[in-house]
Amino acid sequence: MPWVLAAIHSENVGGTVFTEYVQADYRAIHGDSGAAVAYNRYVGSATTDYVVMGVQSASHLVDEAWVDGTSYSLFTRVDNIHSALGLTNP
């Protein structure tokens, strides 16, 4: 089961600092950027809601490969996307 490692994470890539990512341990590789990061939330009586938490942005890989315990994924939070685009969450 994937876990959030840090709710607010900054990443320095080539001297540019990217902020407000969520760091998680789900496996994402090249080509996954832009995909929805989502889960099914139990709401009772065998019912779930499909909840989008954000958009896959980057992954920390080792020699272009996922290494358990070392690699991690970063996603942009959906509330930051809504704010940047002037949208509201229905």
PDB file of N, CA and C in Angstrom:
ATOM      1  N   MET A   1       0.845  -1.188   0.000  1.00  0.00           N
ATOM      2  CA  MET A   1       0.000   0.000   0.000  1.00  0.00           C
ATOM      3  C   MET A   1       0.886   1.246   0.000  1.00  0.00           C
ATOM      4  N   PRO A   2       0.638   2.175  -0.898  1.00  0.00           N
ATOM      5  CA  PRO A   2       1.443   3.403  -0.955  1.00  0.00           C
ATOM      6  C   PRO A   2       1.225   4.294   0.257  1.00  0.00           C
ATOM      7  N   TRP A   3       2.271   4.995   0.624  1.00  0.00           N
ATOM      8  CA  TRP A   3       2.230   5.901   1.769  1.00  0.00           C
ATOM      9  C   TRP A   3       2.760   7.266   1.385  1.00  0.00           C
ATOM     10  N   VAL A   4       2.192   8.292   2.007  1.00  0.00           N
ATOM     11  CA  VAL A   4       2.729   9.646   1.876  1.00  0.00           C
ATOM     12  C   VAL A   4       3.923   9.737   2.814  1.00  0.00           C
ATOM     13  N   LEU A   5       5.072  10.138   2.278  1.00  0.00           N
ATOM     14  CA  LEU A   5       6.293  10.274   3.071  1.00  0.00           C
ATOM     15  C   LEU A   5       6.440  11.687   3.626  1.00  0.00           C
ATOM     16  N   ALA A   6       5.975  12.687   2.874  1.00  0.00           N
ATOM     17  CA  ALA A   6       6.019  14.086   3.305  1.00  0.00           C
ATOM     18  C   ALA A   6       4.883  14.836   2.635  1.00  0.00           C
ATOM     19  N   ALA A   7       4.067  15.526   3.434  1.00  0.00           N
ATOM     20  CA  ALA A   7       2.925  16.255   2.888  1.00  0.00           C
ATOM     21  C   ALA A   7       3.351  17.521   2.160  1.00  0.00           C
ATOM     22  N   ILE A   8       4.464  18.115   2.582  1.00  0.00           N
ATOM     23  CA  ILE A   8       5.012  19.290   1.907  1.00  0.00           C
ATOM     24  C   ILE A   8       6.497  19.034   1.703  1.00  0.00           C
ATOM     25  N   HIS A   9       6.898  18.895   0.446  1.00  0.00           N
ATOM     26  CA  HIS A   9       8.276  18.515   0.114  1.00  0.00           C
ATOM     27  C   HIS A   9       8.825  19.476  -0.934  1.00  0.00           C
ATOM     28  N   SER A  10      10.080  19.866  -0.758  1.00  0.00           N
ATOM     29  CA  SER A  10      10.778  20.680  -1.757  1.00  0.00           C
ATOM     30  C   SER A  10      11.875  19.834  -2.388  1.00  0.00           C
ATOM     31  N   GLU A  11      12.115  20.059  -3.660  1.00  0.00           N
ATOM     32  CA  GLU A  11      13.112  19.274  -4.403  1.00  0.00           C
ATOM     33  C   GLU A  11      13.993  20.222  -5.205  1.00  0.00           C
ATOM     34  N   ASN A  12      15.307  20.061  -5.075  1.00  0.00           N
ATOM     35  CA  ASN A  12      16.271  20.862  -5.826  1.00  0.00           C
ATOM     36  C   ASN A  12      16.710  20.057  -7.044  1.00  0.00           C
ATOM     37  N   VAL A  13      16.387  20.569  -8.221  1.00  0.00           N
ATOM     38  CA  VAL A  13      16.747  19.890  -9.467  1.00  0.00           C
ATOM     39  C   VAL A  13      17.612  20.839 -10.283  1.00  0.00           C
ATOM     40  N   GLY A  14      18.891  20.545 -10.366  1.00  0.00           N
ATOM     41  CA  GLY A  14      19.814  21.362 -11.146  1.00  0.00           C
ATOM     42  C   GLY A  14      19.866  22.817 -10.699  1.00  0.00           C
ATOM     43  N   GLY A  15      19.705  23.054  -9.398  1.00  0.00           N
ATOM     44  CA  GLY A  15      19.762  24.405  -8.857  1.00  0.00           C
ATOM     45  C   GLY A  15      18.421  25.120  -8.806  1.00  0.00           C
ATOM     46  N   THR A  16      17.388  24.523  -9.364  1.00  0.00           N
ATOM     47  CA  THR A  16      16.047  25.092  -9.290  1.00  0.00           C
ATOM     48  C   THR A  16      15.275  24.352  -8.202  1.00  0.00           C
ATOM     49  N   VAL A  17      14.708  25.099  -7.267  1.00  0.00           N
ATOM     50  CA  VAL A  17      13.963  24.486  -6.168  1.00  0.00           C
ATOM     51  C   VAL A  17      12.475  24.488  -6.493  1.00  0.00           C
ATOM     52  N   PHE A  18      11.887  23.309  -6.470  1.00  0.00           N
ATOM     53  CA  PHE A  18      10.457  23.131  -6.673  1.00  0.00           C
ATOM     54  C   PHE A  18       9.834  22.868  -5.308  1.00  0.00           C
ATOM     55  N   THR A  19       8.736  23.570  -4.999  1.00  0.00           N
ATOM     56  CA  THR A  19       8.153  23.470  -3.666  1.00  0.00           C
ATOM     57  C   THR A  19       6.719  22.959  -3.709  1.00  0.00           C
ATOM     58  N   GLU A  20       6.251  22.587  -2.534  1.00  0.00           N
ATOM     59  CA  GLU A  20       4.864  22.167  -2.310  1.00  0.00           C
ATOM     60  C   GLU A  20       4.458  20.897  -3.046  1.00  0.00           C
ATOM     61  N   TYR A  21       5.396  19.985  -3.211  1.00  0.00           N
ATOM     62  CA  TYR A  21       5.075  18.653  -3.720  1.00  0.00           C
ATOM     63  C   TYR A  21       4.683  17.763  -2.548  1.00  0.00           C
ATOM     64  N   VAL A  22       3.985  16.689  -2.835  1.00  0.00           N
ATOM     65  CA  VAL A  22       3.791  15.618  -1.865  1.00  0.00           C
ATOM     66  C   VAL A  22       4.744  14.502  -2.274  1.00  0.00           C
ATOM     67  N   GLN A  23       5.501  13.990  -1.315  1.00  0.00           N
ATOM     68  CA  GLN A  23       6.443  12.901  -1.565  1.00  0.00           C
ATOM     69  C   GLN A  23       5.789  11.597  -1.109  1.00  0.00           C
ATOM     70  N   ALA A  24       5.791  10.596  -1.988  1.00  0.00           N
ATOM     71  CA  ALA A  24       5.130   9.329  -1.680  1.00  0.00           C
ATOM     72  C   ALA A  24       5.953   8.163  -2.212  1.00  0.00           C
ATOM     73  N   ASP A  25       5.630   6.962  -1.706  1.00  0.00           N
ATOM     74  CA  ASP A  25       6.435   5.798  -2.098  1.00  0.00           C
ATOM     75  C   ASP A  25       5.765   4.905  -3.134  1.00  0.00           C
ATOM     76  N   TYR A  26       4.751   5.406  -3.858  1.00  0.00           N
ATOM     77  CA  TYR A  26       4.185   4.599  -4.936  1.00  0.00           C
ATOM     78  C   TYR A  26       5.126   4.636  -6.142  1.00  0.00           C
ATOM     79  N   ARG A  27       5.103   3.577  -6.916  1.00  0.00           N
ATOM     80  CA  ARG A  27       6.019   3.442  -8.049  1.00  0.00           C
ATOM     81  C   ARG A  27       5.497   4.183  -9.267  1.00  0.00           C
ATOM     82  N   ALA A  28       6.278   5.160  -9.730  1.00  0.00           N
ATOM     83  CA  ALA A  28       5.977   5.882 -10.963  1.00  0.00           C
ATOM     84  C   ALA A  28       7.281   6.019 -11.737  1.00  0.00           C
ATOM     85  N   ILE A  29       7.215   5.816 -13.025  1.00  0.00           N
ATOM     86  CA  ILE A  29       8.420   5.859 -13.860  1.00  0.00           C
ATOM     87  C   ILE A  29       8.192   6.804 -15.034  1.00  0.00           C
ATOM     88  N   HIS A  30       9.186   6.917 -15.904  1.00  0.00           N
ATOM     89  CA  HIS A  30       9.083   7.801 -17.067  1.00  0.00           C
ATOM     90  C   HIS A  30       7.798   7.519 -17.839  1.00  0.00           C
ATOM     91  N   GLY A  31       7.123   8.581 -18.211  1.00  0.00           N
ATOM     92  CA  GLY A  31       5.875   8.450 -18.951  1.00  0.00           C
ATOM     93  C   GLY A  31       4.644   8.545 -18.075  1.00  0.00           C
ATOM     94  N   ASP A  32       4.819   8.489 -16.742  1.00  0.00           N
ATOM     95  CA  ASP A  32       3.676   8.566 -15.833  1.00  0.00           C
ATOM     96  C   ASP A  32       3.297   9.999 -15.474  1.00  0.00           C
ATOM     97  N   SER A  33       4.144  10.967 -15.802  1.00  0.00           N
ATOM     98  CA  SER A  33       3.860  12.360 -15.462  1.00  0.00           C
ATOM     99  C   SER A  33       2.541  12.808 -16.064  1.00  0.00           C
ATOM    100  N   GLY A  34       1.768  13.540 -15.274  1.00  0.00           N
ATOM    101  CA  GLY A  34       0.472  14.032 -15.716  1.00  0.00           C
ATOM    102  C   GLY A  34      -0.683  13.124 -15.350  1.00  0.00           C
ATOM    103  N   ALA A  35      -0.382  11.925 -14.862  1.00  0.00           N
ATOM    104  CA  ALA A  35      -1.449  10.998 -14.469  1.00  0.00           C
ATOM    105  C   ALA A  35      -2.061  11.429 -13.137  1.00  0.00           C
ATOM    106  N   ALA A  36      -3.333  11.129 -12.954  1.00  0.00           N
ATOM    107  CA  ALA A  36      -3.999  11.423 -11.684  1.00  0.00           C
ATOM    108  C   ALA A  36      -3.442  10.519 -10.593  1.00  0.00           C
ATOM    109  N   VAL A  37      -3.242  11.100  -9.417  1.00  0.00           N
ATOM    110  CA  VAL A  37      -2.880  10.334  -8.222  1.00  0.00           C
ATOM    111  C   VAL A  37      -4.158  10.281  -7.397  1.00  0.00           C
ATOM    112  N   ALA A  38      -4.714   9.080  -7.232  1.00  0.00           N
ATOM    113  CA  ALA A  38      -6.040   8.951  -6.630  1.00  0.00           C
ATOM    114  C   ALA A  38      -6.139   7.704  -5.764  1.00  0.00           C
ATOM    115  N   TYR A  39      -7.197   7.657  -4.983  1.00  0.00           N
ATOM    116  CA  TYR A  39      -7.474   6.477  -4.175  1.00  0.00           C
ATOM    117  C   TYR A  39      -8.982   6.365  -3.966  1.00  0.00           C
ATOM    118  N   ASN A  40      -9.416   5.192  -3.536  1.00  0.00           N
ATOM    119  CA  ASN A  40     -10.820   4.978  -3.187  1.00  0.00           C
ATOM    120  C   ASN A  40     -10.961   5.146  -1.680  1.00  0.00           C
ATOM    121  N   ARG A  41     -11.778   6.108  -1.264  1.00  0.00           N
ATOM    122  CA  ARG A  41     -11.993   6.393   0.160  1.00  0.00           C
ATOM    123  C   ARG A  41     -13.291   5.735   0.602  1.00  0.00           C
ATOM    124  N   TYR A  42     -13.205   4.901   1.635  1.00  0.00           N
ATOM    125  CA  TYR A  42     -14.385   4.237   2.194  1.00  0.00           C
ATOM    126  C   TYR A  42     -15.256   5.270   2.892  1.00  0.00           C
ATOM    127  N   VAL A  43     -16.551   5.303   2.549  1.00  0.00           N
ATOM    128  CA  VAL A  43     -17.466   6.255   3.166  1.00  0.00           C
ATOM    129  C   VAL A  43     -18.588   5.563   3.936  1.00  0.00           C
ATOM    130  N   GLY A  44     -18.556   4.255   4.002  1.00  0.00           N
ATOM    131  CA  GLY A  44     -19.540   3.513   4.782  1.00  0.00           C
ATOM    132  C   GLY A  44     -20.456   2.673   3.916  1.00  0.00           C
ATOM    133  N   SER A  45     -21.028   1.653   4.539  1.00  0.00           N
ATOM    134  CA  SER A  45     -21.995   0.758   3.882  1.00  0.00           C
ATOM    135  C   SER A  45     -21.459   0.219   2.560  1.00  0.00           C
ATOM    136  N   ALA A  46     -20.213  -0.214   2.556  1.00  0.00           N
ATOM    137  CA  ALA A  46     -19.570  -0.789   1.367  1.00  0.00           C
ATOM    138  C   ALA A  46     -19.547   0.192   0.199  1.00  0.00           C
ATOM    139  N   THR A  47     -19.446   1.486   0.491  1.00  0.00           N
ATOM    140  CA  THR A  47     -19.428   2.527  -0.521  1.00  0.00           C
ATOM    141  C   THR A  47     -18.101   3.271  -0.463  1.00  0.00           C
ATOM    142  N   THR A  48     -17.575   3.616  -1.637  1.00  0.00           N
ATOM    143  CA  THR A  48     -16.339   4.388  -1.696  1.00  0.00           C
ATOM    144  C   THR A  48     -16.516   5.589  -2.622  1.00  0.00           C
ATOM    145  N   ASP A  49     -15.704   6.596  -2.365  1.00  0.00           N
ATOM    146  CA  ASP A  49     -15.580   7.746  -3.262  1.00  0.00           C
ATOM    147  C   ASP A  49     -14.224   7.678  -3.926  1.00  0.00           C
ATOM    148  N   TYR A  50     -14.151   7.990  -5.208  1.00  0.00           N
ATOM    149  CA  TYR A  50     -12.888   8.070  -5.928  1.00  0.00           C
ATOM    150  C   TYR A  50     -12.346   9.483  -5.713  1.00  0.00           C
ATOM    151  N   VAL A  51     -11.215   9.606  -5.040  1.00  0.00           N
ATOM    152  CA  VAL A  51     -10.679  10.908  -4.661  1.00  0.00           C
ATOM    153  C   VAL A  51      -9.361  11.155  -5.398  1.00  0.00           C
ATOM    154  N   VAL A  52      -9.306  12.236  -6.173  1.00  0.00           N
ATOM    155  CA  VAL A  52      -8.067  12.636  -6.841  1.00  0.00           C
ATOM    156  C   VAL A  52      -7.297  13.552  -5.900  1.00  0.00           C
ATOM    157  N   MET A  53      -6.074  13.142  -5.546  1.00  0.00           N
ATOM    158  CA  MET A  53      -5.248  13.920  -4.625  1.00  0.00           C
ATOM    159  C   MET A  53      -4.330  14.885  -5.357  1.00  0.00           C
ATOM    160  N   GLY A  54      -4.000  14.575  -6.613  1.00  0.00           N
ATOM    161  CA  GLY A  54      -3.101  15.440  -7.348  1.00  0.00           C
ATOM    162  C   GLY A  54      -2.723  14.860  -8.687  1.00  0.00           C
ATOM    163  N   VAL A  55      -1.607  15.369  -9.226  1.00  0.00           N
ATOM    164  CA  VAL A  55      -1.116  14.949 -10.535  1.00  0.00           C
ATOM    165  C   VAL A  55       0.344  14.551 -10.406  1.00  0.00           C
ATOM    166  N   GLN A  56       0.685  13.365 -10.931  1.00  0.00           N
ATOM    167  CA  GLN A  56       2.063  12.876 -10.901  1.00  0.00           C
ATOM    168  C   GLN A  56       2.984  13.873 -11.586  1.00  0.00           C
ATOM    169  N   SER A  57       4.060  14.248 -10.892  1.00  0.00           N
ATOM    170  CA  SER A  57       4.964  15.268 -11.416  1.00  0.00           C
ATOM    171  C   SER A  57       6.371  14.765 -11.696  1.00  0.00           C
ATOM    172  N   ALA A  58       6.921  13.951 -10.796  1.00  0.00           N
ATOM    173  CA  ALA A  58       8.311  13.500 -10.966  1.00  0.00           C
ATOM    174  C   ALA A  58       8.560  12.287 -10.084  1.00  0.00           C
ATOM    175  N   SER A  59       9.657  11.609 -10.355  1.00  0.00           N
ATOM    176  CA  SER A  59      10.096  10.496  -9.521  1.00  0.00           C
ATOM    177  C   SER A  59      11.598  10.565  -9.351  1.00  0.00           C
ATOM    178  N   HIS A  60      12.055  10.162  -8.165  1.00  0.00           N
ATOM    179  CA  HIS A  60      13.489  10.058  -7.896  1.00  0.00           C
ATOM    180  C   HIS A  60      13.868   8.606  -8.170  1.00  0.00           C
ATOM    181  N   LEU A  61      14.596   8.388  -9.262  1.00  0.00           N
ATOM    182  CA  LEU A  61      14.999   7.048  -9.678  1.00  0.00           C
ATOM    183  C   LEU A  61      16.506   6.902  -9.534  1.00  0.00           C
ATOM    184  N   VAL A  62      16.986   5.680  -9.561  1.00  0.00           N
ATOM    185  CA  VAL A  62      18.414   5.385  -9.508  1.00  0.00           C
ATOM    186  C   VAL A  62      18.802   4.768 -10.841  1.00  0.00           C
ATOM    187  N   ASP A  63      19.674   5.450 -11.590  1.00  0.00           N
ATOM    188  CA  ASP A  63      20.071   4.973 -12.924  1.00  0.00           C
ATOM    189  C   ASP A  63      18.848   4.638 -13.779  1.00  0.00           C
ATOM    190  N   GLU A  64      17.856   5.546 -13.751  1.00  0.00           N
ATOM    191  CA  GLU A  64      16.633   5.423 -14.558  1.00  0.00           C
ATOM    192  C   GLU A  64      15.722   4.284 -14.117  1.00  0.00           C
ATOM    193  N   ALA A  65      15.956   3.701 -12.933  1.00  0.00           N
ATOM    194  CA  ALA A  65      15.133   2.580 -12.471  1.00  0.00           C
ATOM    195  C   ALA A  65      14.610   2.846 -11.060  1.00  0.00           C
ATOM    196  N   TRP A  66      13.466   2.237 -10.751  1.00  0.00           N
ATOM    197  CA  TRP A  66      12.890   2.325  -9.413  1.00  0.00           C
ATOM    198  C   TRP A  66      13.653   1.377  -8.492  1.00  0.00           C
ATOM    199  N   VAL A  67      14.095   1.876  -7.326  1.00  0.00           N
ATOM    200  CA  VAL A  67      14.781   1.065  -6.325  1.00  0.00           C
ATOM    201  C   VAL A  67      13.988   1.174  -5.028  1.00  0.00           C
ATOM    202  N   ASP A  68      13.392   0.052  -4.588  1.00  0.00           N
ATOM    203  CA  ASP A  68      12.612   0.056  -3.351  1.00  0.00           C
ATOM    204  C   ASP A  68      13.454   0.566  -2.190  1.00  0.00           C
ATOM    205  N   GLY A  69      12.864   1.439  -1.383  1.00  0.00           N
ATOM    206  CA  GLY A  69      13.548   1.997  -0.223  1.00  0.00           C
ATOM    207  C   GLY A  69      14.375   3.235  -0.518  1.00  0.00           C
ATOM    208  N   THR A  70      14.645   3.516  -1.798  1.00  0.00           N
ATOM    209  CA  THR A  70      15.437   4.688  -2.193  1.00  0.00           C
ATOM    210  C   THR A  70      14.625   5.627  -3.070  1.00  0.00           C
ATOM    211  N   SER A  71      13.924   5.073  -4.030  1.00  0.00           N
ATOM    212  CA  SER A  71      13.152   5.882  -4.975  1.00  0.00           C
ATOM    213  C   SER A  71      11.868   6.391  -4.329  1.00  0.00           C
ATOM    214  N   TYR A  72      11.361   7.503  -4.869  1.00  0.00           N
ATOM    215  CA  TYR A  72      10.084   8.044  -4.416  1.00  0.00           C
ATOM    216  C   TYR A  72       9.463   8.849  -5.543  1.00  0.00           C
ATOM    217  N   SER A  73       8.173   9.099  -5.398  1.00  0.00           N
ATOM    218  CA  SER A  73       7.436   9.874  -6.384  1.00  0.00           C
ATOM    219  C   SER A  73       6.998  11.195  -5.781  1.00  0.00           C
ATOM    220  N   LEU A  74       6.803  12.184  -6.645  1.00  0.00           N
ATOM    221  CA  LEU A  74       6.320  13.498  -6.233  1.00  0.00           C
ATOM    222  C   LEU A  74       5.074  13.830  -7.031  1.00  0.00           C
ATOM    223  N   PHE A  75       4.059  14.352  -6.335  1.00  0.00           N
ATOM    224  CA  PHE A  75       2.893  14.818  -7.067  1.00  0.00           C
ATOM    225  C   PHE A  75       2.489  16.202  -6.592  1.00  0.00           C
ATOM    226  N   THR A  76       1.876  16.945  -7.506  1.00  0.00           N
ATOM    227  CA  THR A  76       1.352  18.275  -7.231  1.00  0.00           C
ATOM    228  C   THR A  76      -0.039  18.118  -6.639  1.00  0.00           C
ATOM    229  N   ARG A  77      -0.281  18.764  -5.496  1.00  0.00           N
ATOM    230  CA  ARG A  77      -1.570  18.648  -4.821  1.00  0.00           C
ATOM    231  C   ARG A  77      -2.680  19.299  -5.653  1.00  0.00           C
ATOM    232  N   VAL A  78      -3.841  18.658  -5.660  1.00  0.00           N
ATOM    233  CA  VAL A  78      -4.962  19.151  -6.459  1.00  0.00           C
ATOM    234  C   VAL A  78      -5.411  20.540  -5.985  1.00  0.00           C
ATOM    235  N   ASP A  79      -5.294  20.849  -4.696  1.00  0.00           N
ATOM    236  CA  ASP A  79      -5.709  22.178  -4.226  1.00  0.00           C
ATOM    237  C   ASP A  79      -4.793  23.266  -4.783  1.00  0.00           C
ATOM    238  N   ASN A  80      -3.511  22.954  -4.977  1.00  0.00           N
ATOM    239  CA  ASN A  80      -2.592  23.924  -5.588  1.00  0.00           C
ATOM    240  C   ASN A  80      -2.916  24.127  -7.071  1.00  0.00           C
ATOM    241  N   ILE A  81      -3.343  23.075  -7.741  1.00  0.00           N
ATOM    242  CA  ILE A  81      -3.743  23.178  -9.150  1.00  0.00           C
ATOM    243  C   ILE A  81      -4.989  24.049  -9.265  1.00  0.00           C
ATOM    244  N   HIS A  82      -5.977  23.778  -8.415  1.00  0.00           N
ATOM    245  CA  HIS A  82      -7.201  24.586  -8.423  1.00  0.00           C
ATOM    246  C   HIS A  82      -6.878  26.051  -8.176  1.00  0.00           C
ATOM    247  N   SER A  83      -6.019  26.320  -7.191  1.00  0.00           N
ATOM    248  CA  SER A  83      -5.670  27.700  -6.857  1.00  0.00           C
ATOM    249  C   SER A  83      -4.973  28.398  -8.024  1.00  0.00           C
ATOM    250  N   ALA A  84      -4.013  27.730  -8.650  1.00  0.00           N
ATOM    251  CA  ALA A  84      -3.264  28.319  -9.745  1.00  0.00           C
ATOM    252  C   ALA A  84      -4.153  28.640 -10.955  1.00  0.00           C
ATOM    253  N   LEU A  85      -5.206  27.830 -11.145  1.00  0.00           N
ATOM    254  CA  LEU A  85      -6.091  28.012 -12.296  1.00  0.00           C
ATOM    255  C   LEU A  85      -7.371  28.779 -11.953  1.00  0.00           C
ATOM    256  N   GLY A  86      -7.496  29.198 -10.682  1.00  0.00           N
ATOM    257  CA  GLY A  86      -8.685  29.933 -10.273  1.00  0.00           C
ATOM    258  C   GLY A  86      -9.941  29.081 -10.258  1.00  0.00           C
ATOM    259  N   LEU A  87      -9.792  27.784  -9.952  1.00  0.00           N
ATOM    260  CA  LEU A  87     -10.924  26.851  -9.942  1.00  0.00           C
ATOM    261  C   LEU A  87     -11.378  26.571  -8.521  1.00  0.00           C
ATOM    262  N   THR A  88     -12.570  26.015  -8.394  1.00  0.00           N
ATOM    263  CA  THR A  88     -13.055  25.555  -7.092  1.00  0.00           C
ATOM    264  C   THR A  88     -13.301  24.072  -7.171  1.00  0.00           C
ATOM    265  N   ASN A  89     -13.269  23.432  -6.013  1.00  0.00           N
ATOM    266  CA  ASN A  89     -13.506  21.987  -5.939  1.00  0.00           C
ATOM    267  C   ASN A  89     -14.996  21.774  -5.700  1.00  0.00           C
ATOM    268  N   PRO A  90     -15.666  21.081  -6.615  1.00  0.00           N
ATOM    269  CA  PRO A  90     -17.129  20.915  -6.468  1.00  0.00           C
ATOM    270  C   PRO A  90     -17.504  20.127  -5.233  1.00  0.00           C
TER     271      PRO A  90
END
